[in-house]
C-alpha atoms as a PDB file:
ATOM      1  CA  UNK A   1      10.493  26.511 105.026  1.00  0.00           C
ATOM      2  CA  UNK A   2      13.123  23.642 104.258  1.00  0.00           C
ATOM      3  CA  UNK A   3      10.252  21.608 102.125  1.00  0.00           C
ATOM      4  CA  UNK A   4       9.278  24.422 100.270  1.00  0.00           C
ATOM      5  CA  UNK A   5      12.691  24.925  99.058  1.00  0.00           C
ATOM      6  CA  UNK A   6      13.464  21.301  98.340  1.00  0.00           C
ATOM      7  CA  UNK A   7      10.243  21.817  96.418  1.00  0.00           C
ATOM      8  CA  UNK A   8      11.331  24.251  94.236  1.00  0.00           C
ATOM      9  CA  UNK A   9      14.857  23.052  93.600  1.00  0.00           C
ATOM     10  CA  UNK A  10      13.170  19.697  92.418  1.00  0.00           C
ATOM     11  CA  UNK A  11      10.262  21.431  90.303  1.00  0.00           C
ATOM     12  CA  UNK A  12      13.418  23.354  88.517  1.00  0.00           C
ATOM     13  CA  UNK A  13      15.458  20.537  88.255  1.00  0.00           C
ATOM     14  CA  UNK A  14      12.699  18.459  86.229  1.00  0.00           C
ATOM     15  CA  UNK A  15      12.030  21.665  83.877  1.00  0.00           C
ATOM     16  CA  UNK A  16      15.407  21.900  83.359  1.00  0.00           C
ATOM     17  CA  UNK A  17      15.300  17.689  82.477  1.00  0.00           C
ATOM     18  CA  UNK A  18      12.315  17.811  80.710  1.00  0.00           C
ATOM     19  CA  UNK A  19      13.404  21.299  78.278  1.00  0.00           C
ATOM     20  CA  UNK A  20      17.146  19.274  77.724  1.00  0.00           C
ATOM     21  CA  UNK A  21      15.577  15.766  76.752  1.00  0.00           C
ATOM     22  CA  UNK A  22      12.869  18.130  74.307  1.00  0.00           C
ATOM     23  CA  UNK A  23      15.498  19.844  72.665  1.00  0.00           C
ATOM     24  CA  UNK A  24      17.790  16.852  71.806  1.00  0.00           C
ATOM     25  CA  UNK A  25      14.711  15.528  70.414  1.00  0.00           C
ATOM     26  CA  UNK A  26      13.763  18.487  68.457  1.00  0.00           C
ATOM     27  CA  UNK A  27      16.863  18.431  65.947  1.00  0.00           C
ATOM     28  CA  UNK A  28      18.426  15.724  63.890  1.00  0.00           C
ATOM     29  CA  UNK A  29      20.933  13.893  66.356  1.00  0.00           C
ATOM     30  CA  UNK A  30      24.415  13.317  63.979  1.00  0.00           C
ATOM     31  CA  UNK A  31      26.548  10.756  65.200  1.00  0.00           C
ATOM     32  CA  UNK A  32      30.106  12.227  66.114  1.00  0.00           C
ATOM     33  CA  UNK A  33      32.206   8.486  65.480  1.00  0.00           C
ATOM     34  CA  UNK A  34      34.271   7.998  61.862  1.00  0.00           C
ATOM     35  CA  UNK A  35      32.611   6.917  59.102  1.00  0.00           C
ATOM     36  CA  UNK A  36      33.847   3.156  59.906  1.00  0.00           C
ATOM     37  CA  UNK A  37      31.927   3.413  63.021  1.00  0.00           C
ATOM     38  CA  UNK A  38      28.626   4.417  62.242  1.00  0.00           C
ATOM     39  CA  UNK A  39      28.682   1.780  59.392  1.00  0.00           C
ATOM     40  CA  UNK A  40      28.731  -0.536  62.324  1.00  0.00           C
ATOM     41  CA  UNK A  41      26.027   1.197  64.055  1.00  0.00           C
ATOM     42  CA  UNK A  42      23.634   0.577  61.267  1.00  0.00           C
ATOM     43  CA  UNK A  43      24.860  -2.879  60.045  1.00  0.00           C
ATOM     44  CA  UNK A  44      24.111  -3.928  63.843  1.00  0.00           C
ATOM     45  CA  UNK A  45      21.130  -1.997  64.286  1.00  0.00           C
ATOM     46  CA  UNK A  46      19.957  -2.936  60.544  1.00  0.00           C
ATOM     47  CA  UNK A  47      19.257   0.841  60.554  1.00  0.00           C
ATOM     48  CA  UNK A  48      19.835   3.350  57.129  1.00  0.00           C
ATOM     49  CA  UNK A  49      22.596   5.577  56.875  1.00  0.00           C
ATOM     50  CA  UNK A  50      21.506   9.477  55.941  1.00  0.00           C
ATOM     51  CA  UNK A  51      24.801  11.439  56.062  1.00  0.00           C
ATOM     52  CA  UNK A  52      24.837  15.595  55.608  1.00  0.00           C
ATOM     53  CA  UNK A  53      28.119  16.619  53.637  1.00  0.00           C
ATOM     54  CA  UNK A  54      28.626  19.930  54.282  1.00  0.00           C
ATOM     55  CA  UNK A  55      30.932  23.183  54.147  1.00  0.00           C
ATOM     56  CA  UNK A  56      31.444  25.788  56.497  1.00  0.00           C
ATOM     57  CA  UNK A  57      31.513  28.363  54.112  1.00  0.00           C
ATOM     58  CA  UNK A  58      28.056  27.033  52.261  1.00  0.00           C
ATOM     59  CA  UNK A  59      25.310  29.327  52.915  1.00  0.00           C
ATOM     60  CA  UNK A  60      22.641  26.447  52.415  1.00  0.00           C
ATOM     61  CA  UNK A  61      24.286  23.874  54.098  1.00  0.00           C
ATOM     62  CA  UNK A  62      23.965  26.665  57.316  1.00  0.00           C
ATOM     63  CA  UNK A  63      20.095  26.906  56.519  1.00  0.00           C
ATOM     64  CA  UNK A  64      19.637  23.270  56.442  1.00  0.00           C
ATOM     65  CA  UNK A  65      21.276  23.074  60.015  1.00  0.00           C
ATOM     66  CA  UNK A  66      18.578  25.843  61.467  1.00  0.00           C
ATOM     67  CA  UNK A  67      15.672  25.181  59.627  1.00  0.00           C
ATOM     68  CA  UNK A  68      15.345  21.828  57.926  1.00  0.00           C
ATOM     69  CA  UNK A  69      17.655  19.704  60.856  1.00  0.00           C
ATOM     70  CA  UNK A  70      15.888  21.528  63.504  1.00  0.00           C
ATOM     71  CA  UNK A  71      12.168  20.340  62.360  1.00  0.00           C
ATOM     72  CA  UNK A  72      10.450  18.500  65.069  1.00  0.00           C
ATOM     73  CA  UNK A  73       8.649  15.905  62.864  1.00  0.00           C
ATOM     74  CA  UNK A  74      12.175  15.399  60.670  1.00  0.00           C
ATOM     75  CA  UNK A  75      14.069  15.625  63.733  1.00  0.00           C
ATOM     76  CA  UNK A  76      11.527  12.730  65.154  1.00  0.00           C
ATOM     77  CA  UNK A  77      11.720  10.679  62.240  1.00  0.00           C
ATOM     78  CA  UNK A  78      15.326  10.748  61.090  1.00  0.00           C
ATOM     79  CA  UNK A  79      16.087   9.972  64.897  1.00  0.00           C
ATOM     80  CA  UNK A  80      14.129   7.195  64.677  1.00  0.00           C
ATOM     81  CA  UNK A  81      14.905   5.690  61.530  1.00  0.00           C
ATOM     82  CA  UNK A  82      18.484   6.569  60.791  1.00  0.00           C
ATOM     83  CA  UNK A  83      21.913   6.196  61.872  1.00  0.00           C
ATOM     84  CA  UNK A  84      22.835  10.136  60.947  1.00  0.00           C
ATOM     85  CA  UNK A  85      26.157  11.444  60.157  1.00  0.00           C
ATOM     86  CA  UNK A  86      27.441  14.567  59.297  1.00  0.00           C
ATOM     87  CA  UNK A  87      30.617  15.693  58.190  1.00  0.00           C
ATOM     88  CA  UNK A  88      32.681  18.363  56.706  1.00  0.00           C
ATOM     89  CA  UNK A  89      33.762  17.740  53.659  1.00  0.00           C
ATOM     90  CA  UNK A  90      36.634  20.170  53.430  1.00  0.00           C
ATOM     91  CA  UNK A  91      38.181  18.824  56.863  1.00  0.00           C
ATOM     92  CA  UNK A  92      39.525  15.267  58.163  1.00  0.00           C
ATOM     93  CA  UNK A  93      37.966  12.307  57.321  1.00  0.00           C
ATOM     94  CA  UNK A  94      35.846  14.330  55.169  1.00  0.00           C
ATOM     95  CA  UNK A  95      38.102  14.924  52.758  1.00  0.00           C
ATOM     96  CA  UNK A  96      38.431  11.463  51.742  1.00  0.00           C
ATOM     97  CA  UNK A  97      34.941  10.623  51.948  1.00  0.00           C
ATOM     98  CA  UNK A  98      33.934  13.466  49.863  1.00  0.00           C
ATOM     99  CA  UNK A  99      36.857  12.256  47.126  1.00  0.00           C
ATOM    100  CA  UNK A 100      35.190   8.655  47.553  1.00  0.00           C
ATOM    101  CA  UNK A 101      31.512   9.710  47.172  1.00  0.00           C
ATOM    102  CA  UNK A 102      32.781  12.240  44.023  1.00  0.00           C
ATOM    103  CA  UNK A 103      30.892  15.296  46.277  1.00  0.00           C
ATOM    104  CA  UNK A 104      31.721  18.380  44.119  1.00  0.00           C
ATOM    105  CA  UNK A 105      28.237  20.767  45.243  1.00  0.00           C
ATOM    106  CA  UNK A 106      27.126  21.115  48.725  1.00  0.00           C
ATOM    107  CA  UNK A 107      25.015  20.602  50.505  1.00  0.00           C
ATOM    108  CA  UNK A 108      24.871  17.111  49.297  1.00  0.00           C
ATOM    109  CA  UNK A 109      22.770  14.320  51.550  1.00  0.00           C
ATOM    110  CA  UNK A 110      23.737  10.435  50.883  1.00  0.00           C
ATOM    111  CA  UNK A 111      21.303   7.919  51.984  1.00  0.00           C
ATOM    112  CA  UNK A 112      23.213   4.437  52.444  1.00  0.00           C
ATOM    113  CA  UNK A 113      21.699   1.166  53.279  1.00  0.00           C
ATOM    114  CA  UNK A 114      21.992  -1.266  56.802  1.00  0.00           C
ATOM    115  CA  UNK A 115      25.062  -3.122  54.271  1.00  0.00           C
ATOM    116  CA  UNK A 116      26.476   0.555  53.512  1.00  0.00           C
ATOM    117  CA  UNK A 117      25.738   0.352  49.596  1.00  0.00           C
ATOM    118  CA  UNK A 118      24.564   4.239  48.463  1.00  0.00           C
ATOM    119  CA  UNK A 119      21.150   4.269  47.758  1.00  0.00           C
ATOM    120  CA  UNK A 120      20.076   7.840  46.636  1.00  0.00           C
ATOM    121  CA  UNK A 121      22.261  11.656  46.588  1.00  0.00           C
ATOM    122  CA  UNK A 122      21.038  14.729  46.683  1.00  0.00           C
ATOM    123  CA  UNK A 123      22.543  17.979  46.295  1.00  0.00           C
ATOM    124  CA  UNK A 124      21.104  21.500  47.194  1.00  0.00           C
ATOM    125  CA  UNK A 125      18.916  22.528  50.295  1.00  0.00           C
ATOM    126  CA  UNK A 126      15.536  20.612  50.539  1.00  0.00           C
ATOM    127  CA  UNK A 127      13.286  21.791  53.538  1.00  0.00           C
ATOM    128  CA  UNK A 128      11.890  19.393  55.960  1.00  0.00           C
ATOM    129  CA  UNK A 129       9.024  18.047  53.705  1.00  0.00           C
ATOM    130  CA  UNK A 130      11.182  17.149  50.903  1.00  0.00           C
ATOM    131  CA  UNK A 131      14.206  16.009  53.379  1.00  0.00           C
ATOM    132  CA  UNK A 132      11.357  13.130  54.680  1.00  0.00           C
ATOM    133  CA  UNK A 133       9.964  12.358  51.426  1.00  0.00           C
ATOM    134  CA  UNK A 134      13.817  11.627  50.426  1.00  0.00           C
ATOM    135  CA  UNK A 135      14.195   9.545  53.357  1.00  0.00           C
ATOM    136  CA  UNK A 136      11.217   7.334  52.656  1.00  0.00           C
ATOM    137  CA  UNK A 137      12.229   6.952  49.165  1.00  0.00           C
ATOM    138  CA  UNK A 138      15.616   6.126  50.678  1.00  0.00           C
ATOM    139  CA  UNK A 139      14.125   3.497  52.664  1.00  0.00           C
ATOM    140  CA  UNK A 140      11.970   1.562  50.361  1.00  0.00           C
ATOM    141  CA  UNK A 141      15.154   1.161  47.999  1.00  0.00           C
ATOM    142  CA  UNK A 142      17.180  -1.967  48.956  1.00  0.00           C
END
């Protein structure tokens, strides 16, 4: 009886672990560090940076988070090829970044090369296919 209980417990733990791993890979994972730390990470990893510049009141920003950023193919592409960074442009460090990058509409999606130079900017909602195309376009720019 003890073995059966342990087997069931092990199976449940394994299923939970698999579900958690799957859940984290089916959405774009955004770094929680500061912009300076993200730049350092990108330089070290030789990866481009994808920035989601949003505000809390922006409807299209919320739609990006619930649809585009949770598309499995988009997530796989961006998690593999970019250091992803998301910031509210009306709070904390976002206020300074919005001014520095001259952002005045939301959402704004920005792409930086590994050296920290902006290579592409897109304003407005984009679907999964459009975001992937933007990512590929950004990487093609040096």
